N, C-alpha and C. Protein backbone atom coordinates (compact mmCIF):
# COMPACT_ATOMS: atom_id res chain seq x y z
N MET A 1 21.97 -12.33 37.02
CA MET A 1 22.47 -11.27 36.10
C MET A 1 23.83 -10.74 36.66
N ASP A 2 24.80 -10.69 35.84
CA ASP A 2 26.08 -10.21 36.38
C ASP A 2 26.19 -8.63 36.22
N PHE A 3 27.23 -8.06 36.83
CA PHE A 3 27.29 -6.62 36.85
C PHE A 3 27.73 -6.07 35.50
N LYS A 4 28.22 -6.83 34.57
CA LYS A 4 28.67 -6.36 33.32
C LYS A 4 27.47 -6.03 32.39
N SER A 5 26.49 -6.83 32.50
CA SER A 5 25.40 -6.65 31.55
C SER A 5 24.34 -5.62 32.15
N LYS A 6 24.38 -5.27 33.40
CA LYS A 6 23.47 -4.27 33.96
C LYS A 6 23.53 -2.88 33.30
N PRO A 7 24.79 -2.33 33.21
CA PRO A 7 24.87 -1.00 32.53
C PRO A 7 24.39 -1.09 31.07
N ILE A 8 24.66 -2.11 30.36
CA ILE A 8 24.23 -2.23 28.94
C ILE A 8 22.69 -2.20 28.90
N LEU A 9 22.04 -2.91 29.82
CA LEU A 9 20.56 -3.00 29.87
C LEU A 9 19.97 -1.63 30.23
N ILE A 10 20.63 -0.93 31.12
CA ILE A 10 20.18 0.35 31.55
C ILE A 10 20.26 1.42 30.36
N ALA A 11 21.51 1.34 29.64
CA ALA A 11 21.73 2.15 28.50
C ALA A 11 20.67 1.94 27.40
N PHE A 12 20.41 0.65 27.14
CA PHE A 12 19.46 0.31 26.18
C PHE A 12 18.03 0.82 26.49
N VAL A 13 17.62 0.75 27.73
CA VAL A 13 16.34 1.25 28.15
C VAL A 13 16.34 2.78 28.01
N ILE A 14 17.43 3.42 28.33
CA ILE A 14 17.38 4.89 28.21
C ILE A 14 17.32 5.34 26.75
N VAL A 15 18.03 4.62 25.89
CA VAL A 15 17.98 4.93 24.43
C VAL A 15 16.53 4.69 23.89
N VAL A 16 15.89 3.64 24.31
CA VAL A 16 14.54 3.37 23.82
C VAL A 16 13.59 4.46 24.28
N VAL A 17 13.69 4.83 25.55
CA VAL A 17 12.88 5.89 26.11
C VAL A 17 13.05 7.21 25.43
N VAL A 18 14.35 7.61 25.16
CA VAL A 18 14.60 8.82 24.48
C VAL A 18 14.09 8.81 23.04
N ALA A 19 14.24 7.69 22.40
CA ALA A 19 13.78 7.55 20.98
C ALA A 19 12.28 7.72 20.94
N ALA A 20 11.57 7.07 21.92
CA ALA A 20 10.14 7.11 21.88
C ALA A 20 9.61 8.51 22.19
N ALA A 21 10.31 9.23 23.18
CA ALA A 21 9.90 10.53 23.42
C ALA A 21 10.12 11.52 22.28
N GLY A 22 11.30 11.30 21.59
CA GLY A 22 11.66 12.11 20.43
C GLY A 22 10.57 11.87 19.31
N PHE A 23 10.26 10.65 19.07
CA PHE A 23 9.25 10.35 18.02
C PHE A 23 7.88 10.98 18.32
N TRP A 24 7.42 10.92 19.66
CA TRP A 24 6.19 11.54 20.07
C TRP A 24 6.27 13.05 19.88
N TYR A 25 7.40 13.66 20.22
CA TYR A 25 7.50 15.08 20.09
C TYR A 25 7.52 15.45 18.59
N TRP A 26 8.20 14.74 17.74
CA TRP A 26 8.29 15.04 16.34
C TRP A 26 6.89 14.90 15.70
N GLN A 27 6.06 13.85 16.13
CA GLN A 27 4.72 13.73 15.58
C GLN A 27 3.79 14.84 16.05
N SER A 28 3.98 15.35 17.27
CA SER A 28 3.11 16.40 17.74
C SER A 28 3.41 17.73 17.19
N LYS A 29 4.64 17.90 16.70
CA LYS A 29 5.10 19.26 16.03
C LYS A 29 4.89 19.26 14.56
N LYS A 30 4.45 18.16 13.90
CA LYS A 30 4.19 18.20 12.55
C LYS A 30 3.06 19.09 12.20
N ALA A 31 3.16 19.98 11.20
CA ALA A 31 2.14 20.92 10.84
C ALA A 31 1.01 20.14 10.18
N PRO A 32 -0.24 20.24 10.69
CA PRO A 32 -1.38 19.56 10.02
C PRO A 32 -1.69 20.29 8.72
N SER A 33 -1.92 19.48 7.66
CA SER A 33 -2.31 20.06 6.39
C SER A 33 -3.76 20.40 6.39
N SER A 34 -4.08 21.49 5.76
CA SER A 34 -5.47 21.82 5.69
C SER A 34 -6.23 20.93 4.71
N PRO A 35 -7.48 20.59 5.02
CA PRO A 35 -8.18 19.60 4.20
C PRO A 35 -8.45 20.11 2.81
N GLY A 36 -8.57 21.36 2.56
CA GLY A 36 -8.85 21.87 1.20
C GLY A 36 -7.62 21.95 0.28
N ALA A 37 -6.39 22.03 0.87
CA ALA A 37 -5.20 22.22 0.02
C ALA A 37 -4.71 20.87 -0.61
N PRO A 38 -4.42 20.94 -1.82
CA PRO A 38 -4.05 19.63 -2.54
C PRO A 38 -2.64 19.31 -2.00
N SER A 39 -2.35 18.07 -1.70
CA SER A 39 -1.05 17.56 -1.28
C SER A 39 -0.38 17.02 -2.47
N LEU A 40 0.93 16.72 -2.26
CA LEU A 40 1.77 16.15 -3.40
C LEU A 40 1.17 14.80 -3.86
N GLY A 41 0.76 14.02 -2.95
CA GLY A 41 0.20 12.74 -3.23
C GLY A 41 -1.07 12.83 -4.05
N SER A 42 -1.93 13.77 -3.73
CA SER A 42 -3.14 13.95 -4.63
C SER A 42 -2.87 14.48 -5.93
N GLU A 43 -1.88 15.34 -6.06
CA GLU A 43 -1.45 15.94 -7.37
C GLU A 43 -0.95 14.78 -8.23
N ILE A 44 -0.14 13.93 -7.71
CA ILE A 44 0.44 12.84 -8.49
C ILE A 44 -0.63 11.81 -8.92
N PHE A 45 -1.55 11.57 -7.96
CA PHE A 45 -2.71 10.72 -8.28
C PHE A 45 -3.52 11.21 -9.43
N ASP A 46 -3.81 12.46 -9.40
CA ASP A 46 -4.63 13.13 -10.45
C ASP A 46 -3.90 13.01 -11.82
N LYS A 47 -2.64 13.23 -11.80
CA LYS A 47 -1.82 13.26 -13.05
C LYS A 47 -1.64 11.87 -13.66
N THR A 48 -1.71 10.86 -12.84
CA THR A 48 -1.52 9.47 -13.30
C THR A 48 -2.72 8.78 -13.69
N GLN A 49 -3.95 9.36 -13.63
CA GLN A 49 -5.17 8.72 -13.97
C GLN A 49 -5.27 8.56 -15.46
N SER A 50 -5.87 7.45 -15.95
CA SER A 50 -5.90 7.19 -17.35
C SER A 50 -7.01 8.15 -17.99
N PRO A 51 -6.69 8.78 -19.06
CA PRO A 51 -7.79 9.66 -19.69
C PRO A 51 -8.80 8.74 -20.40
N LEU A 52 -8.55 7.46 -20.60
CA LEU A 52 -9.53 6.61 -21.22
C LEU A 52 -10.29 5.78 -20.21
N GLU A 53 -10.36 6.18 -19.04
CA GLU A 53 -11.05 5.32 -18.04
C GLU A 53 -12.45 5.22 -18.25
N GLY A 54 -12.94 3.91 -18.49
CA GLY A 54 -14.35 3.71 -18.77
C GLY A 54 -14.71 3.71 -20.17
N GLN A 55 -13.76 4.05 -21.07
CA GLN A 55 -14.02 4.13 -22.51
C GLN A 55 -13.30 3.09 -23.35
N VAL A 56 -12.69 2.13 -22.72
CA VAL A 56 -11.97 1.07 -23.40
C VAL A 56 -13.01 0.08 -23.88
N PRO A 57 -13.04 -0.26 -25.20
CA PRO A 57 -13.98 -1.27 -25.75
C PRO A 57 -13.69 -2.70 -25.20
N ASP A 58 -14.70 -3.53 -25.27
CA ASP A 58 -14.57 -4.89 -24.85
C ASP A 58 -14.09 -5.67 -26.03
N ILE A 59 -12.91 -6.33 -25.98
CA ILE A 59 -12.35 -6.98 -27.17
C ILE A 59 -12.25 -8.45 -26.93
N ASN A 60 -12.96 -9.01 -26.00
CA ASN A 60 -12.99 -10.45 -25.79
C ASN A 60 -13.74 -11.20 -26.86
N PRO A 61 -13.01 -11.97 -27.72
CA PRO A 61 -13.83 -12.61 -28.80
C PRO A 61 -14.57 -13.88 -28.31
N PHE A 62 -14.29 -14.34 -27.04
CA PHE A 62 -14.99 -15.50 -26.51
C PHE A 62 -15.96 -15.12 -25.46
N LYS A 63 -16.58 -13.90 -25.54
CA LYS A 63 -17.48 -13.47 -24.46
C LYS A 63 -18.73 -14.37 -24.32
N ASN A 64 -19.30 -14.82 -25.41
CA ASN A 64 -20.50 -15.63 -25.39
C ASN A 64 -20.14 -17.16 -25.24
N GLN A 65 -18.97 -17.55 -25.61
CA GLN A 65 -18.58 -18.93 -25.54
C GLN A 65 -17.59 -19.17 -24.52
N LYS A 66 -17.89 -20.09 -23.58
CA LYS A 66 -16.94 -20.29 -22.40
C LYS A 66 -15.71 -20.99 -22.86
N ASN A 67 -15.82 -22.11 -23.63
CA ASN A 67 -14.69 -22.82 -24.11
C ASN A 67 -14.68 -22.83 -25.62
N PRO A 68 -13.65 -22.27 -26.29
CA PRO A 68 -13.70 -22.17 -27.76
C PRO A 68 -13.50 -23.59 -28.37
N LEU A 69 -13.15 -24.67 -27.67
CA LEU A 69 -12.97 -25.97 -28.26
C LEU A 69 -14.25 -26.78 -28.09
N ASP A 70 -15.33 -26.30 -27.49
CA ASP A 70 -16.54 -27.04 -27.38
C ASP A 70 -17.13 -27.45 -28.74
N ALA A 71 -17.03 -26.51 -29.65
CA ALA A 71 -17.56 -26.84 -30.99
C ALA A 71 -16.74 -27.89 -31.78
N ILE A 72 -15.47 -28.01 -31.43
CA ILE A 72 -14.55 -28.89 -32.11
C ILE A 72 -14.42 -30.28 -31.51
N TYR A 73 -14.32 -30.30 -30.18
CA TYR A 73 -14.08 -31.53 -29.47
C TYR A 73 -15.10 -31.75 -28.41
N GLN A 74 -15.73 -33.00 -28.44
CA GLN A 74 -16.74 -33.31 -27.49
C GLN A 74 -16.04 -34.15 -26.35
N ASN A 75 -16.16 -33.79 -25.15
CA ASN A 75 -15.61 -34.47 -24.03
C ASN A 75 -16.35 -35.79 -23.78
N PRO A 76 -15.59 -36.90 -23.83
CA PRO A 76 -16.32 -38.25 -23.65
C PRO A 76 -16.71 -38.51 -22.23
N PHE A 77 -16.18 -37.78 -21.28
CA PHE A 77 -16.52 -38.06 -19.88
C PHE A 77 -17.68 -37.21 -19.40
N GLU A 78 -18.30 -36.49 -20.16
CA GLU A 78 -19.49 -35.72 -19.67
C GLU A 78 -20.73 -36.52 -19.81
């Protein structure tokens, strides 16, 4: 290792350590939300729920018949 790359390596290590310490400090200072208070995400989730959930009728015309062509065409390889 030559002398020119050594200060760059030391500076990189210092930047990484300072960034990690700053992130840890920022995470520890975040105010914890109370479990009973609604958050923005829960409010958006409640507003975007479908009012017809579970009330949509089944409109599949082929529910009882797996292949609609079975009555028309007989497969010769069966």
